[in-house]
Amino acid sequence: MITSTSSALPVASLSILDLLAMKKRGEKISCLTAYDASFSHLIDQAGIDVMLVGDSLGMVVQGKKTTVPVTVDEIIYHTQCVVNARQRAFIIADLPFLSYTSKEQAIDNAARLMQQAGCQMVKLEGAHVETIQYLVDFGVPVCGHLGLLPQSINQLGRYIVQGKTKTDADRIIDEAKRIEQAGASLLVLECVPAGLADEITSSLSIPVIGIGAGIACDGQILVLYDMLGISIGKRPQFSKNFMQLATDISDAIKQFRQAVKQQTFPTSKHSY
């Protein structure tokens, strides 16, 4: 008699094709930031679709005032931690402030994030379409980011809603279309009016992930520490403390996933 001692087959990690298929069938994409192995494991086990190793770690992990000081080396370290503990979730890593000032610099840093850290996609802020196209041409999956751009906080002066005037809204719509045309596979919209996000989401073929951008986006992302109510300082209006009615952290993450999938979050209270 032959017996098998092999364990179950490993769970396959999601790909960008899976996220695109979710958009096409109308299934909302659940996303959270992650910065270490322990939280990565909990998030993954809860069934969250996407984990972003964001430069928000500078504020919620390191206690800095903005995301600006975060370095590529720090993103690599935290991405490695997250990748080590995940099985299913799709992993995106931020290209931090001034790490993509040229196409050559962008591809060097993207290579480090993918080869050394193990992410599946890199995210950069702004309509840098030539850089996006250059990365895509060399096989790097790219996530764009429009609306409020935290890396530009010293230029903006404060964190405020973007796209409220027709001129600004038209600019963001145009930038979103050009980012898609450049080959980006995903787009994050942060702190824009819900109506504008709806228009952009319906006009693009790639998934649009919202944060403070209303219910119509293809998915929702929150900073993990915000939705657990443990961030330093005031929680953003667009976020929600899912720990308030949860039995533990795992339950809070599952409640967030369910709220996104069932389209009960965000509400008008969490939108602009």
Protein backbone atom coordinates (compact mmCIF):
# COMPACT_ATOMS: atom_id res chain seq x y z
CA MET A 1 0.00 0.00 0.00
CA ILE A 2 1.32 3.40 -1.01
CA THR A 3 0.45 6.38 1.15
CA SER A 4 1.03 10.02 0.40
CA THR A 5 2.53 12.39 2.91
CA SER A 6 2.42 15.40 0.61
CA SER A 7 0.50 18.44 1.77
CA ALA A 8 -2.24 20.17 -0.17
CA LEU A 9 -1.27 22.04 -3.29
CA PRO A 10 -0.22 25.65 -2.61
CA VAL A 11 -2.78 28.35 -3.23
CA ALA A 12 -2.09 30.19 -6.48
CA SER A 13 -1.54 33.91 -6.10
CA LEU A 14 -3.85 36.24 -7.99
CA SER A 15 -2.63 37.89 -11.18
CA ILE A 16 -3.61 41.08 -12.95
CA LEU A 17 -5.78 38.92 -15.22
CA ASP A 18 -7.81 37.85 -12.19
CA LEU A 19 -8.35 41.48 -11.18
CA LEU A 20 -9.39 42.39 -14.73
CA ALA A 21 -11.84 39.48 -14.75
CA MET A 22 -13.31 40.76 -11.48
CA LYS A 23 -13.95 44.16 -13.06
CA LYS A 24 -15.61 42.56 -16.08
CA ARG A 25 -18.00 40.48 -13.97
CA GLY A 26 -18.73 43.30 -11.57
CA GLU A 27 -17.07 41.81 -8.48
CA LYS A 28 -15.56 44.48 -6.26
CA ILE A 29 -11.83 44.18 -5.51
CA SER A 30 -10.82 44.34 -1.83
CA CYS A 31 -7.47 45.95 -1.04
CA LEU A 32 -5.51 46.87 2.08
CA THR A 33 -2.05 48.21 2.78
CA ALA A 34 0.39 45.82 4.50
CA TYR A 35 3.87 46.29 5.89
CA ASP A 36 4.92 43.09 7.72
CA ALA A 37 4.56 39.31 7.72
CA SER A 38 2.09 38.98 10.60
CA PHE A 39 -0.47 41.38 9.15
CA SER A 40 0.19 40.01 5.67
CA HIS A 41 -0.81 36.53 6.89
CA LEU A 42 -4.01 37.81 8.53
CA ILE A 43 -4.99 39.87 5.49
CA ASP A 44 -4.30 36.98 3.13
CA GLN A 45 -6.24 34.49 5.25
CA ALA A 46 -9.21 36.89 5.32
CA GLY A 47 -9.40 36.72 1.52
CA ILE A 48 -8.32 40.27 0.67
CA ASP A 49 -7.51 40.42 -3.05
CA VAL A 50 -4.70 43.00 -3.14
CA MET A 51 -2.06 44.12 -0.65
CA LEU A 52 -0.23 47.38 -1.26
CA VAL A 53 3.11 47.95 0.43
CA GLY A 54 2.60 51.68 0.47
CA ASP A 55 4.90 54.52 1.36
CA SER A 56 2.20 55.29 3.93
CA LEU A 57 4.46 53.12 6.12
CA GLY A 58 6.45 56.28 6.71
CA MET A 59 3.52 57.76 8.62
CA VAL A 60 1.83 54.75 10.26
CA VAL A 61 4.90 52.60 10.98
CA GLN A 62 7.76 55.07 11.26
CA GLY A 63 5.80 57.97 12.76
CA LYS A 64 6.89 60.53 10.18
CA LYS A 65 4.72 63.50 9.18
CA THR A 66 4.53 62.63 5.47
CA THR A 67 5.42 59.85 3.03
CA VAL A 68 8.23 61.91 1.51
CA PRO A 69 11.18 60.51 3.57
CA VAL A 70 10.46 56.85 2.69
CA THR A 71 13.24 55.21 0.65
CA VAL A 72 13.36 52.44 -1.92
CA ASP A 73 15.38 50.28 0.49
CA GLU A 74 12.61 50.61 3.10
CA ILE A 75 9.91 49.65 0.59
CA ILE A 76 12.01 46.63 -0.44
CA TYR A 77 12.41 45.48 3.16
CA HIS A 78 8.72 45.78 4.00
CA THR A 79 7.66 44.18 0.69
CA GLN A 80 9.89 41.19 1.41
CA CYS A 81 8.19 40.81 4.79
CA VAL A 82 4.72 40.92 3.21
CA VAL A 83 5.58 38.56 0.35
CA ASN A 84 7.08 36.00 2.74
CA ALA A 85 3.73 35.43 4.46
CA ARG A 86 1.21 35.73 1.63
CA GLN A 87 -0.19 32.96 -0.55
CA ARG A 88 -3.07 34.38 -2.59
CA ALA A 89 -3.18 38.17 -2.55
CA PHE A 90 -1.79 40.26 -5.41
CA ILE A 91 1.16 42.37 -4.20
CA ILE A 92 1.81 45.97 -5.28
CA ALA A 93 4.73 48.07 -4.04
CA ASP A 94 5.06 51.84 -4.14
CA LEU A 95 7.85 53.63 -5.94
CA PRO A 96 8.55 56.28 -3.27
CA PHE A 97 9.21 60.00 -3.63
CA LEU A 98 11.84 60.93 -6.27
CA SER A 99 12.56 57.29 -7.13
CA TYR A 100 11.28 57.64 -10.73
CA THR A 101 12.57 61.04 -11.86
CA SER A 102 13.86 59.49 -15.09
CA LYS A 103 12.86 56.42 -17.07
CA GLU A 104 16.19 54.80 -16.28
CA GLN A 105 15.87 55.43 -12.55
CA ALA A 106 12.30 54.15 -12.60
CA ILE A 107 13.20 50.87 -14.26
CA ASP A 108 16.20 50.30 -11.99
CA ASN A 109 14.05 50.76 -8.88
CA ALA A 110 11.15 48.76 -10.33
CA ALA A 111 13.59 45.92 -11.03
CA ARG A 112 14.72 45.96 -7.40
CA LEU A 113 11.13 45.91 -6.13
CA MET A 114 10.24 42.96 -8.36
CA GLN A 115 13.48 40.96 -8.24
CA GLN A 116 14.64 41.55 -4.67
CA ALA A 117 11.33 42.20 -2.92
CA GLY A 118 9.01 39.99 -4.96
CA CYS A 119 6.12 42.34 -5.74
CA GLN A 120 3.95 41.75 -8.81
CA MET A 121 3.37 45.40 -9.73
CA VAL A 122 4.77 48.84 -8.93
CA LYS A 123 2.72 51.97 -8.28
CA LEU A 124 3.73 55.54 -9.04
CA GLU A 125 1.95 58.84 -8.51
CA GLY A 126 0.98 61.24 -11.27
CA ALA A 127 0.50 61.16 -15.02
CA HIS A 128 4.07 60.21 -15.94
CA VAL A 129 2.91 58.48 -19.09
CA GLU A 130 6.31 58.18 -20.76
CA THR A 131 7.76 56.52 -17.67
CA ILE A 132 4.76 54.20 -17.41
CA GLN A 133 5.08 53.19 -21.06
CA TYR A 134 8.82 52.61 -20.66
CA LEU A 135 8.27 50.34 -17.66
CA VAL A 136 5.48 48.44 -19.41
CA ASP A 137 7.61 47.98 -22.54
CA PHE A 138 10.14 46.12 -20.37
CA GLY A 139 7.52 43.89 -18.77
CA VAL A 140 6.86 45.81 -15.54
CA PRO A 141 3.16 45.89 -14.55
CA VAL A 142 2.24 49.42 -13.44
CA CYS A 143 -0.47 50.88 -11.23
CA GLY A 144 -1.17 54.58 -11.73
CA HIS A 145 -2.30 56.96 -8.98
CA LEU A 146 -4.34 60.13 -9.53
CA GLY A 147 -6.31 62.60 -7.44
CA LEU A 148 -4.65 63.42 -4.15
CA LEU A 149 -0.94 62.64 -4.49
CA PRO A 150 0.59 62.32 -0.99
CA GLN A 151 4.15 62.55 -2.33
CA SER A 152 3.30 66.09 -3.51
CA ILE A 153 2.14 67.27 -0.07
CA ASN A 154 4.82 69.97 0.14
CA GLN A 155 3.51 71.35 -3.14
CA LEU A 156 -0.17 70.99 -2.22
CA GLY A 157 0.23 72.40 1.28
CA ARG A 158 -2.37 70.09 2.84
CA TYR A 159 -4.35 66.94 2.11
CA ILE A 160 -7.45 68.14 0.25
CA VAL A 161 -10.00 66.70 -2.20
CA GLN A 162 -8.94 66.98 -5.84
CA GLY A 163 -11.02 67.39 -9.00
CA LYS A 164 -13.75 69.59 -7.52
CA THR A 165 -13.68 72.16 -10.35
CA LYS A 166 -14.54 71.27 -13.94
CA THR A 167 -11.03 72.19 -15.07
CA ASP A 168 -9.41 69.88 -12.52
CA ALA A 169 -11.93 67.10 -13.15
CA ASP A 170 -11.34 67.25 -16.92
CA ARG A 171 -7.58 67.13 -16.33
CA ILE A 172 -7.85 64.03 -14.12
CA ILE A 173 -10.12 62.30 -16.65
CA ASP A 174 -7.63 63.03 -19.43
CA GLU A 175 -4.71 61.83 -17.29
CA ALA A 176 -6.54 58.60 -16.43
CA LYS A 177 -7.14 57.84 -20.10
CA ARG A 178 -3.51 58.59 -21.00
CA ILE A 179 -2.27 56.38 -18.16
CA GLU A 180 -4.37 53.51 -19.49
CA GLN A 181 -3.16 54.13 -23.04
CA ALA A 182 0.44 54.06 -21.76
CA GLY A 183 -0.15 50.47 -20.64
CA ALA A 184 -0.95 50.71 -16.93
CA SER A 185 -2.94 47.72 -15.67
CA LEU A 186 -4.51 49.37 -12.63
CA LEU A 187 -5.37 52.85 -11.36
CA VAL A 188 -5.81 54.22 -7.83
CA LEU A 189 -8.05 57.28 -7.39
CA GLU A 190 -7.60 59.08 -4.09
CA CYS A 191 -9.81 61.79 -2.58
CA VAL A 192 -11.88 62.80 -5.60
CA PRO A 193 -15.65 63.42 -5.86
CA ALA A 194 -17.67 60.22 -6.22
CA GLY A 195 -19.22 61.39 -9.48
CA LEU A 196 -15.83 61.98 -11.06
CA ALA A 197 -14.59 58.56 -9.93
CA ASP A 198 -17.74 56.97 -11.39
CA GLU A 199 -17.10 58.62 -14.76
CA ILE A 200 -13.46 57.52 -14.83
CA THR A 201 -14.24 53.96 -13.71
CA SER A 202 -16.87 53.48 -16.42
CA SER A 203 -14.63 54.95 -19.13
CA LEU A 204 -11.57 52.77 -18.46
CA SER A 205 -11.14 49.08 -19.25
CA ILE A 206 -8.60 48.61 -16.44
CA PRO A 207 -9.69 48.23 -12.79
CA VAL A 208 -9.98 51.46 -10.79
CA ILE A 209 -9.38 51.24 -7.04
CA GLY A 210 -10.79 54.01 -4.90
CA ILE A 211 -9.80 55.53 -1.58
CA GLY A 212 -12.11 58.36 -0.69
CA ALA A 213 -13.53 58.14 -4.22
CA GLY A 214 -17.04 56.74 -3.74
CA ILE A 215 -18.74 53.41 -4.24
CA ALA A 216 -18.61 53.20 -8.05
CA CYS A 217 -14.92 52.28 -8.27
CA ASP A 218 -14.04 48.68 -9.16
CA GLY A 219 -12.47 48.20 -5.74
CA GLN A 220 -11.64 49.89 -2.45
CA ILE A 221 -8.41 50.29 -0.53
CA LEU A 222 -7.76 51.59 2.97
CA VAL A 223 -4.64 52.03 5.05
CA LEU A 224 -4.66 49.01 7.35
CA TYR A 225 -3.93 50.98 10.51
CA ASP A 226 -6.76 53.44 9.75
CA MET A 227 -9.38 50.69 9.39
CA LEU A 228 -8.15 49.11 12.64
CA GLY A 229 -8.34 52.44 14.45
CA ILE A 230 -4.68 52.42 15.50
CA SER A 231 -3.16 55.13 13.30
CA ILE A 232 -1.45 58.10 14.88
CA GLY A 233 -3.57 61.23 14.60
CA LYS A 234 -7.02 61.80 13.14
CA ARG A 235 -8.56 59.09 10.95
CA PRO A 236 -9.43 60.36 7.43
CA GLN A 237 -13.12 61.00 6.66
CA PHE A 238 -13.07 58.38 3.90
CA SER A 239 -11.91 55.62 6.26
CA LYS A 240 -13.87 53.56 8.78
CA ASN A 241 -12.86 51.85 12.01
CA PHE A 242 -13.86 48.22 11.39
CA MET A 243 -12.58 47.17 14.84
CA GLN A 244 -15.53 48.80 16.59
CA LEU A 245 -17.87 45.85 15.92
CA ALA A 246 -15.22 43.15 15.48
CA THR A 247 -14.20 40.38 17.85
CA ASP A 248 -10.54 40.60 16.80
CA ILE A 249 -8.27 41.94 14.05
CA SER A 250 -8.98 39.03 11.71
CA ASP A 251 -12.71 39.62 12.08
CA ALA A 252 -12.29 43.34 11.34
CA ILE A 253 -10.43 42.56 8.12
CA LYS A 254 -13.11 40.05 7.11
CA GLN A 255 -15.80 42.65 7.81
CA PHE A 256 -13.98 45.13 5.57
CA ARG A 257 -13.77 42.56 2.77
CA GLN A 258 -17.45 41.73 3.10
CA ALA A 259 -18.43 45.40 3.11
CA VAL A 260 -16.46 46.00 -0.10
CA LYS A 261 -17.81 42.89 -1.83
CA GLN A 262 -21.41 43.64 -0.81
CA GLN A 263 -21.00 47.32 -1.67
CA THR A 264 -21.96 48.58 1.77
CA PHE A 265 -18.65 50.47 2.03
CA PRO A 266 -17.95 53.23 1.31
CA THR A 267 -21.19 55.06 2.07
CA SER A 268 -21.89 58.71 1.31
CA LYS A 269 -20.43 59.44 4.75
CA HIS A 270 -17.06 58.20 3.51
CA SER A 271 -17.25 59.94 0.12
CA TYR A 272 -17.00 63.44 -1.31
